[in-house]
């Protein structure tokens, strides 16, 4: 769901509603990170990752990591993990 949000207004659902941190967490998780590796990447606790992830799930209306990845992919907002050769 994409909401047309004017200046000074904040979307309440959909990708536009995510905070910068929620978006970073959601992107890492959608790319295949675990909560632990995302926490290490961002320098925060696993509980902090879980909190931001729960908020992103609610705002995006998803119930799983697969649905999260699909929601972000549909908006071309996913990243790929670097894989060692």
C-alpha atoms as a PDB file:
ATOM      1  CA  UNK A   1       0.000   0.000   0.000  1.00  0.00           C
ATOM      2  CA  UNK A   2       1.390   3.389  -0.989  1.00  0.00           C
ATOM      3  CA  UNK A   3      -0.041   6.483   0.567  1.00  0.00           C
ATOM      4  CA  UNK A   4       0.246   9.929  -0.947  1.00  0.00           C
ATOM      5  CA  UNK A   5       1.676  11.931   1.917  1.00  0.00           C
ATOM      6  CA  UNK A   6       1.915  15.692   1.710  1.00  0.00           C
ATOM      7  CA  UNK A   7       4.546  17.891   3.284  1.00  0.00           C
ATOM      8  CA  UNK A   8       4.545  17.709   7.045  1.00  0.00           C
ATOM      9  CA  UNK A   9       2.531  14.475   7.136  1.00  0.00           C
ATOM     10  CA  UNK A  10       3.753  10.968   7.989  1.00  0.00           C
ATOM     11  CA  UNK A  11       2.365   7.820   6.399  1.00  0.00           C
ATOM     12  CA  UNK A  12       0.867   5.400   8.914  1.00  0.00           C
ATOM     13  CA  UNK A  13       1.309   2.231   6.855  1.00  0.00           C
ATOM     14  CA  UNK A  14       3.347   0.930   3.951  1.00  0.00           C
ATOM     15  CA  UNK A  15       7.055   1.411   3.251  1.00  0.00           C
ATOM     16  CA  UNK A  16       6.814   5.206   3.530  1.00  0.00           C
ATOM     17  CA  UNK A  17       5.755   4.829   7.169  1.00  0.00           C
ATOM     18  CA  UNK A  18       8.952   3.081   8.266  1.00  0.00           C
ATOM     19  CA  UNK A  19      11.476   5.015  10.287  1.00  0.00           C
ATOM     20  CA  UNK A  20      15.021   5.077   8.953  1.00  0.00           C
ATOM     21  CA  UNK A  21      16.073   2.415  11.475  1.00  0.00           C
ATOM     22  CA  UNK A  22      13.040   0.212  10.801  1.00  0.00           C
ATOM     23  CA  UNK A  23      13.839   0.424   7.095  1.00  0.00           C
ATOM     24  CA  UNK A  24      17.498  -0.522   7.648  1.00  0.00           C
ATOM     25  CA  UNK A  25      16.512  -3.472   9.838  1.00  0.00           C
ATOM     26  CA  UNK A  26      13.801  -4.624   7.427  1.00  0.00           C
ATOM     27  CA  UNK A  27      16.209  -4.402   4.490  1.00  0.00           C
ATOM     28  CA  UNK A  28      18.851  -6.475   6.280  1.00  0.00           C
ATOM     29  CA  UNK A  29      16.314  -9.111   7.323  1.00  0.00           C
ATOM     30  CA  UNK A  30      14.834  -9.204   3.806  1.00  0.00           C
ATOM     31  CA  UNK A  31      18.352  -9.766   2.462  1.00  0.00           C
ATOM     32  CA  UNK A  32      18.724 -12.860   4.635  1.00  0.00           C
ATOM     33  CA  UNK A  33      20.305 -11.627   7.848  1.00  0.00           C
ATOM     34  CA  UNK A  34      19.301 -13.202  11.124  1.00  0.00           C
ATOM     35  CA  UNK A  35      18.404 -10.959  14.048  1.00  0.00           C
ATOM     36  CA  UNK A  36      21.856 -11.669  15.465  1.00  0.00           C
ATOM     37  CA  UNK A  37      23.781 -10.766  12.303  1.00  0.00           C
ATOM     38  CA  UNK A  38      21.641  -7.661  11.753  1.00  0.00           C
ATOM     39  CA  UNK A  39      22.362  -6.609  15.350  1.00  0.00           C
ATOM     40  CA  UNK A  40      26.083  -7.063  14.784  1.00  0.00           C
ATOM     41  CA  UNK A  41      25.927  -5.149  11.484  1.00  0.00           C
ATOM     42  CA  UNK A  42      24.117  -2.206  13.083  1.00  0.00           C
ATOM     43  CA  UNK A  43      25.902  -2.323  16.443  1.00  0.00           C
ATOM     44  CA  UNK A  44      22.748  -2.782  18.504  1.00  0.00           C
ATOM     45  CA  UNK A  45      21.238  -5.558  20.618  1.00  0.00           C
ATOM     46  CA  UNK A  46      19.197  -8.451  19.266  1.00  0.00           C
ATOM     47  CA  UNK A  47      16.247  -7.141  21.290  1.00  0.00           C
ATOM     48  CA  UNK A  48      16.509  -3.781  19.509  1.00  0.00           C
ATOM     49  CA  UNK A  49      16.418  -5.555  16.145  1.00  0.00           C
ATOM     50  CA  UNK A  50      13.345  -7.532  17.243  1.00  0.00           C
ATOM     51  CA  UNK A  51      11.588  -4.323  18.329  1.00  0.00           C
ATOM     52  CA  UNK A  52      12.211  -2.557  15.013  1.00  0.00           C
ATOM     53  CA  UNK A  53      11.313  -5.685  13.070  1.00  0.00           C
ATOM     54  CA  UNK A  54       7.974  -6.048  14.887  1.00  0.00           C
ATOM     55  CA  UNK A  55       7.174  -2.399  14.136  1.00  0.00           C
ATOM     56  CA  UNK A  56       8.036  -2.891  10.454  1.00  0.00           C
ATOM     57  CA  UNK A  57       5.845  -6.013  10.281  1.00  0.00           C
ATOM     58  CA  UNK A  58       2.869  -4.059  11.646  1.00  0.00           C
ATOM     59  CA  UNK A  59       3.386  -1.047   9.376  1.00  0.00           C
ATOM     60  CA  UNK A  60       3.832  -3.227   6.282  1.00  0.00           C
ATOM     61  CA  UNK A  61       1.002  -5.593   7.217  1.00  0.00           C
ATOM     62  CA  UNK A  62       3.176  -8.700   7.008  1.00  0.00           C
ATOM     63  CA  UNK A  63       3.502 -11.727   9.267  1.00  0.00           C
ATOM     64  CA  UNK A  64       6.731 -13.365   8.128  1.00  0.00           C
ATOM     65  CA  UNK A  65      10.222 -12.617   6.869  1.00  0.00           C
ATOM     66  CA  UNK A  66       9.239 -13.953   3.447  1.00  0.00           C
ATOM     67  CA  UNK A  67       6.314 -11.542   3.253  1.00  0.00           C
ATOM     68  CA  UNK A  68       8.640  -8.750   4.407  1.00  0.00           C
ATOM     69  CA  UNK A  69      11.137  -9.579   1.657  1.00  0.00           C
ATOM     70  CA  UNK A  70       8.331  -9.681  -0.919  1.00  0.00           C
ATOM     71  CA  UNK A  71       6.924  -6.343   0.246  1.00  0.00           C
ATOM     72  CA  UNK A  72      10.307  -4.665  -0.045  1.00  0.00           C
ATOM     73  CA  UNK A  73      11.148  -6.439  -3.308  1.00  0.00           C
ATOM     74  CA  UNK A  74       7.919  -5.156  -4.807  1.00  0.00           C
ATOM     75  CA  UNK A  75       9.212  -1.656  -4.025  1.00  0.00           C
ATOM     76  CA  UNK A  76      12.765  -2.513  -5.224  1.00  0.00           C
ATOM     77  CA  UNK A  77      14.162  -1.774  -1.771  1.00  0.00           C
ATOM     78  CA  UNK A  78      16.046  -4.973  -0.993  1.00  0.00           C
ATOM     79  CA  UNK A  79      19.783  -5.409  -0.844  1.00  0.00           C
ATOM     80  CA  UNK A  80      21.797  -8.488  -1.592  1.00  0.00           C
ATOM     81  CA  UNK A  81      24.292 -10.026   0.742  1.00  0.00           C
ATOM     82  CA  UNK A  82      27.903 -10.168  -0.331  1.00  0.00           C
ATOM     83  CA  UNK A  83      28.825 -13.815  -0.703  1.00  0.00           C
ATOM     84  CA  UNK A  84      32.426 -14.953  -0.423  1.00  0.00           C
ATOM     85  CA  UNK A  85      33.888 -16.489  -3.566  1.00  0.00           C
END
